[in-house]
Amino acid sequence: MRIVRCRWLWVGVLALTAGLLALLACVSQVSTLGNLVGTIRIDGSSTVYPITEAVAEEFMRLHHRVRPTVGISGTGGGFKKLCAGDTDISDASRPIKPSEAELCLRNGIDYIELPVAYDGLAVMVHPSNDWVDHLTVDELREIWRPESPVRKWSDIRPGWPEEDILLVGADTDSGTFDYFTKAIVGKEGSSRSDYTWSSDDNVLVVAISGERYSLGYFALAYYLANQARLRGVPVDNGEGPVTVSVDTVGSGEYQPLSRPVFIYVSSASAERLEVQEFVHYYLAQGHAYVPEVGFVPLTENAYRLVLSRFEQRVTGSVFGGEGSQIGVSVEELLKQEGE
C-alpha cells in the first residue's frame, strides 16, 4: 500500500509540476508581449499609408516600447527597400512585379504577400467644372495613352471648353500609376508623360483643386478626405456611369478602377516577436480602421485566409508574379491557393 501511495504521490507531483510550468509559460508569454521592444521599419505606397499609419498609432498605444515607422516612397520605392533588406514591411497598392520579385530573389529576401483592403481610383475635376457629367473608359484611354492628341477639353467632346487640360496623376514609381495605366490604357506603365505628377497624393489634391480646367486621378481615401475641394467624375465601363464610393468599390460595380491593396512582410522580419504581433494586430484588429480612412474591408473569411497565410509563412505572390491584374477577387485567389 505504501508503494501505491508513493506512486500516486509521484503522479500528483508530476501533474502539479506540469501545471506550474504551463502557468509560468503563460505568464512569461504575457510578460513578453507586455514588454515588446523594437522598431518596425515600414515604407512604400502613399495609398496604403493611411491604413498602416492608423494601425501603427493604435498598436503603439498597446505596446509603448515598439516604434513602427511608416514612410512614403511609393510602391516601387518600397519594394526596392524591402528587397534590399532595408525594411520589415512594404505597403503596396499593386502586386509585386516580376522584376521586383527577381531582385528579392537575387538578394535572398523572401516575402509574405498579405492583401489588407480594397481601394478605388477616383477620377476628379475642379468643383467649378460644370460640363463633365461622366467619362467613358474609352475617353480616359484616349486622354492618357502615349502620344495622345488630346490637349483641350473640346478635344474630348464637342461643346466642351476650348481650354487646355491640366492633367494630374501619380508618379511612375507608384502602384497607382501602374494599376491606372493597366486598367485604362491596357498596358502597365503605358502613359503620356506631359502631366503634373507626384508621389504625394496631397500634392495632387492641391494641383487639381487649384486649377478649374484640371483632370486627375488618385486613391479614393484622399478624394473622400477632400470632397469640398474636388468633384468626382463617374466612369462608364460600358454599363452606364458609376460614381466612385466605398459602396461601389465594395460591390464591384466601380470597374475597372477597383483593386486590392497589400502589405508585404519580410520573412526574416516575421520571426521577430514585435513584427509578428504587429501583423496579427493589423489583420485581426486593424481592419476596423479600414473604412475610417476611406477603404473597403475584405470579407471576414478573406481576412482569416490572409492571417492563415501569414501564420503559415507562405511566401511569394498569389498573383503569379504578373503584377497588376484587373477585376480580381482576393478571396477566390486565396481559396485556390489553399486547395
C-alpha atoms as a PDB file:
ATOM      1  CA  MET A   1       0.000   0.000   0.000  1.00  0.00           C
ATOM      2  CA  ARG A   2       2.899   2.294   0.805  1.00  0.00           C
ATOM      3  CA  ILE A   3       4.330   1.788  -2.724  1.00  0.00           C
ATOM      4  CA  VAL A   4       0.980   2.535  -4.308  1.00  0.00           C
ATOM      5  CA  ARG A   5       0.636   5.699  -2.253  1.00  0.00           C
ATOM      6  CA  CYS A   6       4.132   6.750  -3.269  1.00  0.00           C
ATOM      7  CA  ARG A   7       3.296   6.166  -6.901  1.00  0.00           C
ATOM      8  CA  TRP A   8       0.155   8.262  -6.656  1.00  0.00           C
ATOM      9  CA  LEU A   9       2.110  10.931  -4.811  1.00  0.00           C
ATOM     10  CA  TRP A  10       4.708  10.930  -7.604  1.00  0.00           C
ATOM     11  CA  VAL A  11       1.973  11.225 -10.267  1.00  0.00           C
ATOM     12  CA  GLY A  12       0.489  14.127  -8.344  1.00  0.00           C
ATOM     13  CA  VAL A  13       3.839  15.868  -8.144  1.00  0.00           C
ATOM     14  CA  LEU A  14       4.337  15.445 -11.895  1.00  0.00           C
ATOM     15  CA  ALA A  15       0.874  16.819 -12.635  1.00  0.00           C
ATOM     16  CA  LEU A  16       1.448  19.781 -10.327  1.00  0.00           C
ATOM     17  CA  THR A  17       4.846  20.439 -11.884  1.00  0.00           C
ATOM     18  CA  ALA A  18       3.377  20.320 -15.407  1.00  0.00           C
ATOM     19  CA  GLY A  19       0.639  22.719 -14.368  1.00  0.00           C
ATOM     20  CA  LEU A  20       3.116  25.129 -12.831  1.00  0.00           C
ATOM     21  CA  LEU A  21       5.304  25.003 -15.940  1.00  0.00           C
ATOM     22  CA  ALA A  22       2.311  25.721 -18.160  1.00  0.00           C
ATOM     23  CA  LEU A  23       1.299  28.617 -15.912  1.00  0.00           C
ATOM     24  CA  LEU A  24       4.837  30.005 -15.931  1.00  0.00           C
ATOM     25  CA  ALA A  25       4.959  29.730 -19.720  1.00  0.00           C
ATOM     26  CA  CYS A  26       1.669  31.601 -19.983  1.00  0.00           C
ATOM     27  CA  VAL A  27       2.831  34.298 -17.548  1.00  0.00           C
ATOM     28  CA  SER A  28       6.136  34.526 -19.411  1.00  0.00           C
ATOM     29  CA  GLN A  29       4.335  34.988 -22.743  1.00  0.00           C
ATOM     30  CA  VAL A  30       2.033  37.684 -21.331  1.00  0.00           C
ATOM     31  CA  SER A  31       5.049  39.377 -19.749  1.00  0.00           C
ATOM     32  CA  THR A  32       6.951  39.200 -23.042  1.00  0.00           C
ATOM     33  CA  LEU A  33       4.058  40.667 -25.037  1.00  0.00           C
ATOM     34  CA  GLY A  34       3.629  43.376 -22.445  1.00  0.00           C
ATOM     35  CA  ASN A  35       7.284  44.344 -22.807  1.00  0.00           C
ATOM     36  CA  LEU A  36       7.724  44.218 -26.557  1.00  0.00           C
ATOM     37  CA  VAL A  37      10.590  46.399 -27.692  1.00  0.00           C
ATOM     38  CA  GLY A  38      11.816  47.310 -31.145  1.00  0.00           C
ATOM     39  CA  THR A  39      11.465  49.350 -34.310  1.00  0.00           C
ATOM     40  CA  ILE A  40       9.405  48.109 -37.247  1.00  0.00           C
ATOM     41  CA  ARG A  41      10.559  49.693 -40.499  1.00  0.00           C
ATOM     42  CA  ILE A  42       7.690  50.247 -42.944  1.00  0.00           C
ATOM     43  CA  ASP A  43       7.770  52.081 -46.268  1.00  0.00           C
ATOM     44  CA  GLY A  44       6.068  52.112 -49.650  1.00  0.00           C
ATOM     45  CA  SER A  45       2.709  53.146 -51.063  1.00  0.00           C
ATOM     46  CA  SER A  46       1.226  56.549 -50.238  1.00  0.00           C
ATOM     47  CA  THR A  47      -2.162  54.983 -50.981  1.00  0.00           C
ATOM     48  CA  VAL A  48      -1.851  52.324 -48.256  1.00  0.00           C
ATOM     49  CA  TYR A  49      -0.150  54.757 -45.869  1.00  0.00           C
ATOM     50  CA  PRO A  50      -3.379  55.946 -44.144  1.00  0.00           C
ATOM     51  CA  ILE A  51      -4.317  52.362 -43.190  1.00  0.00           C
ATOM     52  CA  THR A  52      -0.861  51.422 -41.930  1.00  0.00           C
ATOM     53  CA  GLU A  53      -0.424  54.720 -40.094  1.00  0.00           C
ATOM     54  CA  ALA A  54      -3.773  54.274 -38.311  1.00  0.00           C
ATOM     55  CA  VAL A  55      -2.883  50.702 -37.340  1.00  0.00           C
ATOM     56  CA  ALA A  56       0.594  51.771 -36.181  1.00  0.00           C
ATOM     57  CA  GLU A  57      -0.788  54.517 -33.943  1.00  0.00           C
ATOM     58  CA  GLU A  58      -3.240  52.152 -32.226  1.00  0.00           C
ATOM     59  CA  PHE A  59      -0.617  49.421 -31.918  1.00  0.00           C
ATOM     60  CA  MET A  60       1.750  51.832 -30.150  1.00  0.00           C
ATOM     61  CA  ARG A  61      -0.968  52.585 -27.593  1.00  0.00           C
ATOM     62  CA  LEU A  62      -0.854  48.904 -26.626  1.00  0.00           C
ATOM     63  CA  HIS A  63       2.908  48.476 -26.945  1.00  0.00           C
ATOM     64  CA  HIS A  64       4.594  51.724 -25.926  1.00  0.00           C
ATOM     65  CA  ARG A  65       8.115  50.452 -26.486  1.00  0.00           C
ATOM     66  CA  VAL A  66       7.541  49.356 -30.088  1.00  0.00           C
ATOM     67  CA  ARG A  67       8.020  52.046 -32.720  1.00  0.00           C
ATOM     68  CA  PRO A  68       6.577  51.361 -36.182  1.00  0.00           C
ATOM     69  CA  THR A  69       7.998  53.984 -38.570  1.00  0.00           C
ATOM     70  CA  VAL A  70       5.889  54.481 -41.699  1.00  0.00           C
ATOM     71  CA  GLY A  71       7.455  56.131 -44.744  1.00  0.00           C
ATOM     72  CA  ILE A  72       6.153  57.010 -48.203  1.00  0.00           C
ATOM     73  CA  SER A  73       8.419  56.249 -51.139  1.00  0.00           C
ATOM     74  CA  GLY A  74       5.782  54.789 -53.477  1.00  0.00           C
ATOM     75  CA  THR A  75       5.026  51.128 -54.113  1.00  0.00           C
ATOM     76  CA  GLY A  76       8.054  50.673 -56.366  1.00  0.00           C
ATOM     77  CA  GLY A  77      10.347  52.509 -53.960  1.00  0.00           C
ATOM     78  CA  GLY A  78       9.030  50.411 -51.101  1.00  0.00           C
ATOM     79  CA  PHE A  79       9.787  47.163 -52.930  1.00  0.00           C
ATOM     80  CA  LYS A  80      13.336  48.346 -53.635  1.00  0.00           C
ATOM     81  CA  LYS A  81      13.879  48.889 -49.911  1.00  0.00           C
ATOM     82  CA  LEU A  82      12.239  45.590 -48.949  1.00  0.00           C
ATOM     83  CA  CYS A  83      14.299  43.637 -51.471  1.00  0.00           C
ATOM     84  CA  ALA A  84      17.469  45.325 -50.219  1.00  0.00           C
ATOM     85  CA  GLY A  85      16.692  44.234 -46.660  1.00  0.00           C
ATOM     86  CA  ASP A  86      16.235  47.847 -45.515  1.00  0.00           C
ATOM     87  CA  THR A  87      12.625  47.480 -44.324  1.00  0.00           C
ATOM     88  CA  ASP A  88      10.496  44.907 -42.498  1.00  0.00           C
ATOM     89  CA  ILE A  89       7.168  45.656 -44.189  1.00  0.00           C
ATOM     90  CA  SER A  90       6.310  47.247 -47.522  1.00  0.00           C
ATOM     91  CA  ASP A  91       2.984  48.958 -48.254  1.00  0.00           C
ATOM     92  CA  ALA A  92       1.884  48.252 -51.836  1.00  0.00           C
ATOM     93  CA  SER A  93      -1.058  49.379 -53.949  1.00  0.00           C
ATOM     94  CA  ARG A  94      -0.445  46.601 -56.502  1.00  0.00           C
ATOM     95  CA  PRO A  95       1.057  43.103 -56.520  1.00  0.00           C
ATOM     96  CA  ILE A  96       4.825  42.749 -56.805  1.00  0.00           C
ATOM     97  CA  LYS A  97       6.221  42.814 -60.358  1.00  0.00           C
ATOM     98  CA  PRO A  98       8.377  40.021 -61.823  1.00  0.00           C
ATOM     99  CA  SER A  99      11.407  42.341 -61.909  1.00  0.00           C
ATOM    100  CA  GLU A 100      10.935  43.192 -58.229  1.00  0.00           C
ATOM    101  CA  ALA A 101      10.457  39.532 -57.293  1.00  0.00           C
ATOM    102  CA  GLU A 102      13.700  38.762 -59.148  1.00  0.00           C
ATOM    103  CA  LEU A 103      15.514  41.491 -57.201  1.00  0.00           C
ATOM    104  CA  CYS A 104      14.335  39.994 -53.904  1.00  0.00           C
ATOM    105  CA  LEU A 105      15.429  36.545 -55.074  1.00  0.00           C
ATOM    106  CA  ARG A 106      18.915  37.781 -56.000  1.00  0.00           C
ATOM    107  CA  ASN A 107      19.270  39.385 -52.594  1.00  0.00           C
ATOM    108  CA  GLY A 108      17.985  36.344 -50.699  1.00  0.00           C
ATOM    109  CA  ILE A 109      14.871  38.137 -49.432  1.00  0.00           C
ATOM    110  CA  ASP A 110      11.698  36.085 -49.042  1.00  0.00           C
ATOM    111  CA  TYR A 111       8.409  37.919 -48.522  1.00  0.00           C
ATOM    112  CA  ILE A 112       4.844  37.153 -47.454  1.00  0.00           C
ATOM    113  CA  GLU A 113       2.145  38.888 -49.509  1.00  0.00           C
ATOM    114  CA  LEU A 114      -0.893  39.972 -47.450  1.00  0.00           C
ATOM    115  CA  PRO A 115      -3.930  41.724 -49.016  1.00  0.00           C
ATOM    116  CA  VAL A 116      -5.435  44.141 -46.472  1.00  0.00           C
ATOM    117  CA  ALA A 117      -8.268  46.066 -48.209  1.00  0.00           C
ATOM    118  CA  TYR A 118      -9.886  47.158 -51.461  1.00  0.00           C
ATOM    119  CA  ASP A 119      -9.389  50.607 -52.959  1.00  0.00           C
ATOM    120  CA  GLY A 120     -10.879  52.580 -55.838  1.00  0.00           C
ATOM    121  CA  LEU A 121      -9.071  55.083 -58.050  1.00  0.00           C
ATOM    122  CA  ALA A 122     -11.084  58.288 -58.184  1.00  0.00           C
ATOM    123  CA  VAL A 123     -11.155  60.397 -61.366  1.00  0.00           C
ATOM    124  CA  MET A 124     -11.519  64.034 -60.351  1.00  0.00           C
ATOM    125  CA  VAL A 125     -12.025  67.556 -61.630  1.00  0.00           C
ATOM    126  CA  HIS A 126     -12.230  71.012 -60.069  1.00  0.00           C
ATOM    127  CA  PRO A 127     -15.527  71.683 -58.212  1.00  0.00           C
ATOM    128  CA  SER A 128     -16.382  74.501 -60.648  1.00  0.00           C
ATOM    129  CA  ASN A 129     -16.262  72.102 -63.622  1.00  0.00           C
ATOM    130  CA  ASP A 130     -19.906  72.071 -64.728  1.00  0.00           C
ATOM    131  CA  TRP A 131     -19.567  70.399 -68.136  1.00  0.00           C
ATOM    132  CA  VAL A 132     -18.286  66.887 -67.324  1.00  0.00           C
ATOM    133  CA  ASP A 133     -21.131  64.600 -66.228  1.00  0.00           C
ATOM    134  CA  HIS A 134     -19.091  61.399 -66.764  1.00  0.00           C
ATOM    135  CA  LEU A 135     -16.193  59.968 -68.764  1.00  0.00           C
ATOM    136  CA  THR A 136     -16.081  56.633 -70.544  1.00  0.00           C
ATOM    137  CA  VAL A 137     -13.141  54.249 -70.267  1.00  0.00           C
ATOM    138  CA  ASP A 138     -12.502  54.822 -73.984  1.00  0.00           C
ATOM    139  CA  GLU A 139     -12.337  58.583 -73.423  1.00  0.00           C
ATOM    140  CA  LEU A 140      -9.965  58.147 -70.491  1.00  0.00           C
ATOM    141  CA  ARG A 141      -7.798  55.868 -72.639  1.00  0.00           C
ATOM    142  CA  GLU A 142      -7.674  58.467 -75.417  1.00  0.00           C
ATOM    143  CA  ILE A 143      -6.700  61.161 -72.904  1.00  0.00           C
ATOM    144  CA  TRP A 144      -3.954  59.199 -71.135  1.00  0.00           C
ATOM    145  CA  ARG A 145      -2.411  56.979 -73.814  1.00  0.00           C
ATOM    146  CA  PRO A 146       1.109  57.731 -75.062  1.00  0.00           C
ATOM    147  CA  GLU A 147       1.207  60.303 -77.877  1.00  0.00           C
ATOM    148  CA  SER A 148      -2.403  61.288 -77.171  1.00  0.00           C
ATOM    149  CA  PRO A 149      -3.577  64.201 -79.327  1.00  0.00           C
ATOM    150  CA  VAL A 150      -5.893  65.435 -76.563  1.00  0.00           C
ATOM    151  CA  ARG A 151      -4.834  68.855 -75.327  1.00  0.00           C
ATOM    152  CA  LYS A 152      -8.073  70.750 -74.750  1.00  0.00           C
ATOM    153  CA  TRP A 153     -11.386  69.781 -73.186  1.00  0.00           C
ATOM    154  CA  SER A 154     -13.003  70.297 -76.575  1.00  0.00           C
ATOM    155  CA  ASP A 155     -10.772  67.516 -77.951  1.00  0.00           C
ATOM    156  CA  ILE A 156     -12.716  65.051 -75.811  1.00  0.00           C
ATOM    157  CA  ARG A 157     -16.260  66.141 -76.699  1.00  0.00           C
ATOM    158  CA  PRO A 158     -17.529  68.918 -78.969  1.00  0.00           C
ATOM    159  CA  GLY A 159     -19.066  71.729 -76.972  1.00  0.00           C
ATOM    160  CA  TRP A 160     -16.735  71.385 -74.035  1.00  0.00           C
ATOM    161  CA  PRO A 161     -14.430  74.385 -73.327  1.00  0.00           C
ATOM    162  CA  GLU A 162     -11.611  75.122 -75.720  1.00  0.00           C
ATOM    163  CA  GLU A 163      -9.253  75.303 -72.773  1.00  0.00           C
ATOM    164  CA  ASP A 164      -6.068  73.345 -72.102  1.00  0.00           C
ATOM    165  CA  ILE A 165      -6.467  70.433 -69.667  1.00  0.00           C
ATOM    166  CA  LEU A 166      -4.119  70.341 -66.691  1.00  0.00           C
ATOM    167  CA  LEU A 167      -3.581  66.585 -66.278  1.00  0.00           C
ATOM    168  CA  VAL A 168      -2.630  65.380 -62.797  1.00  0.00           C
ATOM    169  CA  GLY A 169      -1.650  61.873 -61.705  1.00  0.00           C
ATOM    170  CA  ALA A 170       0.648  59.509 -59.855  1.00  0.00           C
ATOM    171  CA  ASP A 171       4.393  59.340 -60.418  1.00  0.00           C
ATOM    172  CA  THR A 172       5.842  56.452 -62.405  1.00  0.00           C
ATOM    173  CA  ASP A 173       7.175  54.703 -59.276  1.00  0.00           C
ATOM    174  CA  SER A 174       3.671  54.462 -57.853  1.00  0.00           C
ATOM    175  CA  GLY A 175       1.483  51.362 -57.786  1.00  0.00           C
ATOM    176  CA  THR A 176      -1.438  53.676 -58.532  1.00  0.00           C
ATOM    177  CA  PHE A 177       0.271  54.682 -61.789  1.00  0.00           C
ATOM    178  CA  ASP A 178       0.841  51.025 -62.694  1.00  0.00           C
ATOM    179  CA  TYR A 179      -2.732  49.997 -61.963  1.00  0.00           C
ATOM    180  CA  PHE A 180      -4.336  53.007 -63.669  1.00  0.00           C
ATOM    181  CA  THR A 181      -2.333  52.540 -66.862  1.00  0.00           C
ATOM    182  CA  LYS A 182      -3.096  48.798 -66.947  1.00  0.00           C
ATOM    183  CA  ALA A 183      -6.823  49.322 -66.315  1.00  0.00           C
ATOM    184  CA  ILE A 184      -7.312  52.300 -68.633  1.00  0.00           C
ATOM    185  CA  VAL A 185      -4.614  52.210 -71.313  1.00  0.00           C
ATOM    186  CA  GLY A 186      -4.289  48.425 -71.319  1.00  0.00           C
ATOM    187  CA  LYS A 187      -0.591  48.147 -70.530  1.00  0.00           C
ATOM    188  CA  GLU A 188       1.122  48.737 -67.208  1.00  0.00           C
ATOM    189  CA  GLY A 189       3.335  51.813 -67.327  1.00  0.00           C
ATOM    190  CA  SER A 190       1.979  52.997 -70.687  1.00  0.00           C
ATOM    191  CA  SER A 191       1.084  56.690 -70.352  1.00  0.00           C
ATOM    192  CA  ARG A 192       1.620  60.108 -71.799  1.00  0.00           C
ATOM    193  CA  SER A 193       4.360  61.950 -69.923  1.00  0.00           C
ATOM    194  CA  ASP A 194       3.193  65.569 -70.150  1.00  0.00           C
ATOM    195  CA  TYR A 195       1.242  65.721 -66.905  1.00  0.00           C
ATOM    196  CA  THR A 196       1.743  67.016 -63.375  1.00  0.00           C
ATOM    197  CA  TRP A 197       2.790  64.147 -61.130  1.00  0.00           C
ATOM    198  CA  SER A 198       3.813  63.477 -57.543  1.00  0.00           C
ATOM    199  CA  SER A 199       4.358  60.559 -55.156  1.00  0.00           C
ATOM    200  CA  ASP A 200       2.415  62.514 -52.520  1.00  0.00           C
ATOM    201  CA  ASP A 201      -1.343  62.390 -53.062  1.00  0.00           C
ATOM    202  CA  ASN A 202      -1.777  65.565 -51.007  1.00  0.00           C
ATOM    203  CA  VAL A 203       0.246  67.438 -53.643  1.00  0.00           C
ATOM    204  CA  LEU A 204      -2.131  66.076 -56.296  1.00  0.00           C
ATOM    205  CA  VAL A 205      -5.107  67.336 -54.276  1.00  0.00           C
ATOM    206  CA  VAL A 206      -3.622  70.840 -54.294  1.00  0.00           C
ATOM    207  CA  ALA A 207      -2.921  70.678 -58.039  1.00  0.00           C
ATOM    208  CA  ILE A 208      -6.460  69.630 -59.024  1.00  0.00           C
ATOM    209  CA  SER A 209      -8.232  71.913 -56.553  1.00  0.00           C
ATOM    210  CA  GLY A 210      -6.170  74.886 -57.701  1.00  0.00           C
ATOM    211  CA  GLU A 211      -6.995  74.773 -61.432  1.00  0.00           C
ATOM    212  CA  ARG A 212     -10.503  74.954 -62.928  1.00  0.00           C
ATOM    213  CA  TYR A 213      -9.530  73.011 -66.068  1.00  0.00           C
ATOM    214  CA  SER A 214      -7.744  70.175 -64.281  1.00  0.00           C
ATOM    215  CA  LEU A 215      -8.386  66.432 -64.541  1.00  0.00           C
ATOM    216  CA  GLY A 216      -6.634  63.826 -62.417  1.00  0.00           C
ATOM    217  CA  TYR A 217      -6.741  60.544 -60.546  1.00  0.00           C
ATOM    218  CA  PHE A 218      -5.595  59.079 -57.242  1.00  0.00           C
ATOM    219  CA  ALA A 219      -6.757  56.871 -54.358  1.00  0.00           C
ATOM    220  CA  LEU A 220     -10.329  57.038 -53.086  1.00  0.00           C
ATOM    221  CA  ALA A 221      -9.235  57.779 -49.497  1.00  0.00           C
ATOM    222  CA  TYR A 222      -7.642  61.086 -50.472  1.00  0.00           C
ATOM    223  CA  TYR A 223     -10.691  62.068 -52.524  1.00  0.00           C
ATOM    224  CA  LEU A 224     -13.075  61.320 -49.629  1.00  0.00           C
ATOM    225  CA  ALA A 225     -10.936  63.436 -47.325  1.00  0.00           C
ATOM    226  CA  ASN A 226     -11.076  66.387 -49.759  1.00  0.00           C
ATOM    227  CA  GLN A 227     -14.566  66.317 -51.263  1.00  0.00           C
ATOM    228  CA  ALA A 228     -15.091  70.023 -50.571  1.00  0.00           C
ATOM    229  CA  ARG A 229     -12.132  70.767 -52.863  1.00  0.00           C
ATOM    230  CA  LEU A 230     -12.719  68.189 -55.610  1.00  0.00           C
ATOM    231  CA  ARG A 231     -15.516  66.677 -57.688  1.00  0.00           C
ATOM    232  CA  GLY A 232     -15.544  63.006 -58.529  1.00  0.00           C
ATOM    233  CA  VAL A 233     -16.320  62.025 -62.135  1.00  0.00           C
ATOM    234  CA  PRO A 234     -18.479  58.912 -62.744  1.00  0.00           C
ATOM    235  CA  VAL A 235     -16.780  56.354 -65.000  1.00  0.00           C
ATOM    236  CA  ASP A 236     -18.656  54.390 -67.675  1.00  0.00           C
ATOM    237  CA  ASN A 237     -17.204  50.971 -68.435  1.00  0.00           C
ATOM    238  CA  GLY A 238     -19.959  50.179 -70.939  1.00  0.00           C
ATOM    239  CA  GLU A 239     -22.787  49.572 -68.498  1.00  0.00           C
ATOM    240  CA  GLY A 240     -23.533  53.173 -67.535  1.00  0.00           C
ATOM    241  CA  PRO A 241     -21.707  55.756 -65.405  1.00  0.00           C
ATOM    242  CA  VAL A 242     -20.750  54.664 -61.868  1.00  0.00           C
ATOM    243  CA  THR A 243     -19.650  57.098 -59.186  1.00  0.00           C
ATOM    244  CA  VAL A 244     -16.664  56.066 -57.095  1.00  0.00           C
ATOM    245  CA  SER A 245     -17.547  55.403 -53.444  1.00  0.00           C
ATOM    246  CA  VAL A 246     -16.902  52.905 -50.672  1.00  0.00           C
ATOM    247  CA  ASP A 247     -20.170  51.187 -51.638  1.00  0.00           C
ATOM    248  CA  THR A 248     -19.496  50.893 -55.383  1.00  0.00           C
ATOM    249  CA  VAL A 249     -15.944  49.665 -54.779  1.00  0.00           C
ATOM    250  CA  GLY A 250     -17.202  47.123 -52.244  1.00  0.00           C
ATOM    251  CA  SER A 251     -19.960  45.871 -54.546  1.00  0.00           C
ATOM    252  CA  GLY A 252     -17.590  45.523 -57.517  1.00  0.00           C
ATOM    253  CA  GLU A 253     -19.645  47.989 -59.604  1.00  0.00           C
ATOM    254  CA  TYR A 254     -16.846  50.508 -59.981  1.00  0.00           C
ATOM    255  CA  GLN A 255     -14.790  48.879 -62.701  1.00  0.00           C
ATOM    256  CA  PRO A 256     -12.110  48.778 -63.924  1.00  0.00           C
ATOM    257  CA  LEU A 257     -10.694  51.119 -61.274  1.00  0.00           C
ATOM    258  CA  SER A 258     -11.153  48.984 -58.143  1.00  0.00           C
ATOM    259  CA  ARG A 259      -8.214  46.978 -56.779  1.00  0.00           C
ATOM    260  CA  PRO A 260      -6.818  45.208 -53.708  1.00  0.00           C
ATOM    261  CA  VAL A 261      -4.002  46.793 -51.708  1.00  0.00           C
ATOM    262  CA  PHE A 262      -1.331  44.976 -49.668  1.00  0.00           C
ATOM    263  CA  ILE A 263       1.420  44.791 -47.130  1.00  0.00           C
ATOM    264  CA  TYR A 264       4.466  42.621 -47.877  1.00  0.00           C
ATOM    265  CA  VAL A 265       6.339  41.269 -44.856  1.00  0.00           C
ATOM    266  CA  SER A 266       9.975  40.189 -44.966  1.00  0.00           C
ATOM    267  CA  SER A 267      10.129  36.512 -43.945  1.00  0.00           C
ATOM    268  CA  ALA A 268      13.220  37.175 -41.831  1.00  0.00           C
ATOM    269  CA  SER A 269      11.498  40.057 -40.036  1.00  0.00           C
ATOM    270  CA  ALA A 270       8.418  37.895 -39.468  1.00  0.00           C
ATOM    271  CA  GLU A 271      10.457  35.821 -36.996  1.00  0.00           C
ATOM    272  CA  ARG A 272      10.727  38.804 -34.634  1.00  0.00           C
ATOM    273  CA  LEU A 273       8.025  38.861 -31.982  1.00  0.00           C
ATOM    274  CA  GLU A 274       7.218  42.571 -32.339  1.00  0.00           C
ATOM    275  CA  VAL A 275       6.689  42.160 -36.100  1.00  0.00           C
ATOM    276  CA  GLN A 276       4.517  39.080 -35.551  1.00  0.00           C
ATOM    277  CA  GLU A 277       2.319  40.913 -33.070  1.00  0.00           C
ATOM    278  CA  PHE A 278       2.046  43.970 -35.331  1.00  0.00           C
ATOM    279  CA  VAL A 279       0.945  41.891 -38.337  1.00  0.00           C
ATOM    280  CA  HIS A 280      -1.513  39.888 -36.209  1.00  0.00           C
ATOM    281  CA  TYR A 281      -2.975  43.152 -34.919  1.00  0.00           C
ATOM    282  CA  TYR A 282      -3.122  44.580 -38.463  1.00  0.00           C
ATOM    283  CA  LEU A 283      -5.094  41.590 -39.805  1.00  0.00           C
ATOM    284  CA  ALA A 284      -7.219  40.738 -36.764  1.00  0.00           C
ATOM    285  CA  GLN A 285      -7.991  44.216 -35.387  1.00  0.00           C
ATOM    286  CA  GLY A 286      -6.625  46.797 -37.794  1.00  0.00           C
ATOM    287  CA  HIS A 287      -9.218  46.214 -40.489  1.00  0.00           C
ATOM    288  CA  ALA A 288     -11.683  48.061 -38.226  1.00  0.00           C
ATOM    289  CA  TYR A 289      -9.845  51.247 -39.262  1.00  0.00           C
ATOM    290  CA  VAL A 290     -10.034  50.445 -42.982  1.00  0.00           C
ATOM    291  CA  PRO A 291     -13.409  52.165 -43.649  1.00  0.00           C
ATOM    292  CA  GLU A 292     -12.456  55.064 -41.365  1.00  0.00           C
ATOM    293  CA  VAL A 293      -9.678  56.055 -43.768  1.00  0.00           C
ATOM    294  CA  GLY A 294     -11.681  55.556 -46.973  1.00  0.00           C
ATOM    295  CA  PHE A 295     -11.008  51.948 -47.954  1.00  0.00           C
ATOM    296  CA  VAL A 296     -13.199  48.859 -48.254  1.00  0.00           C
ATOM    297  CA  PRO A 297     -12.526  45.927 -45.909  1.00  0.00           C
ATOM    298  CA  LEU A 298     -12.086  42.411 -47.228  1.00  0.00           C
ATOM    299  CA  THR A 299     -14.642  39.831 -46.119  1.00  0.00           C
ATOM    300  CA  GLU A 300     -14.188  38.212 -42.698  1.00  0.00           C
ATOM    301  CA  ASN A 301     -13.345  34.925 -44.392  1.00  0.00           C
ATOM    302  CA  ALA A 302     -10.740  36.651 -46.580  1.00  0.00           C
ATOM    303  CA  TYR A 303      -9.058  38.132 -43.504  1.00  0.00           C
ATOM    304  CA  ARG A 304      -8.962  34.665 -41.927  1.00  0.00           C
ATOM    305  CA  LEU A 305      -7.322  33.281 -45.063  1.00  0.00           C
ATOM    306  CA  VAL A 306      -4.809  36.147 -45.119  1.00  0.00           C
ATOM    307  CA  LEU A 307      -3.963  35.643 -41.429  1.00  0.00           C
ATOM    308  CA  SER A 308      -3.510  31.919 -42.060  1.00  0.00           C
ATOM    309  CA  ARG A 309      -1.154  32.770 -44.925  1.00  0.00           C
ATOM    310  CA  PHE A 310       0.977  34.793 -42.537  1.00  0.00           C
ATOM    311  CA  GLU A 311       0.896  32.222 -39.729  1.00  0.00           C
ATOM    312  CA  GLN A 312       1.989  29.510 -42.154  1.00  0.00           C
ATOM    313  CA  ARG A 313       4.674  31.830 -43.585  1.00  0.00           C
ATOM    314  CA  VAL A 314       3.506  31.279 -47.170  1.00  0.00           C
ATOM    315  CA  THR A 315       5.950  33.180 -49.359  1.00  0.00           C
ATOM    316  CA  GLY A 316       5.524  34.526 -52.883  1.00  0.00           C
ATOM    317  CA  SER A 317       2.519  36.076 -54.612  1.00  0.00           C
ATOM    318  CA  VAL A 318      -0.955  34.679 -55.270  1.00  0.00           C
ATOM    319  CA  PHE A 319      -0.920  36.750 -58.463  1.00  0.00           C
ATOM    320  CA  GLY A 320       1.716  34.568 -60.070  1.00  0.00           C
ATOM    321  CA  GLY A 321       4.234  37.383 -60.309  1.00  0.00           C
ATOM    322  CA  GLU A 322       2.252  39.104 -63.067  1.00  0.00           C
ATOM    323  CA  GLY A 323       1.866  42.471 -61.355  1.00  0.00           C
ATOM    324  CA  SER A 324      -1.396  44.416 -61.621  1.00  0.00           C
ATOM    325  CA  GLN A 325      -4.491  42.407 -62.542  1.00  0.00           C
ATOM    326  CA  ILE A 326      -7.937  43.826 -63.217  1.00  0.00           C
ATOM    327  CA  GLY A 327     -11.181  42.705 -61.561  1.00  0.00           C
ATOM    328  CA  VAL A 328      -9.679  40.005 -59.331  1.00  0.00           C
ATOM    329  CA  SER A 329     -11.199  38.548 -56.157  1.00  0.00           C
ATOM    330  CA  VAL A 330      -8.687  38.215 -53.342  1.00  0.00           C
ATOM    331  CA  GLU A 331     -10.810  35.642 -51.540  1.00  0.00           C
ATOM    332  CA  GLU A 332     -11.069  33.394 -54.592  1.00  0.00           C
ATOM    333  CA  LEU A 333      -7.316  33.567 -55.196  1.00  0.00           C
ATOM    334  CA  LEU A 334      -6.560  32.660 -51.584  1.00  0.00           C
ATOM    335  CA  LYS A 335      -9.052  29.793 -51.639  1.00  0.00           C
ATOM    336  CA  GLN A 336      -7.454  28.416 -54.801  1.00  0.00           C
ATOM    337  CA  GLU A 337      -4.028  28.651 -53.189  1.00  0.00           C
ATOM    338  CA  GLY A 338      -5.224  26.604 -50.210  1.00  0.00           C
ATOM    339  CA  GLU A 339      -6.738  23.825 -52.354  1.00  0.00           C
END
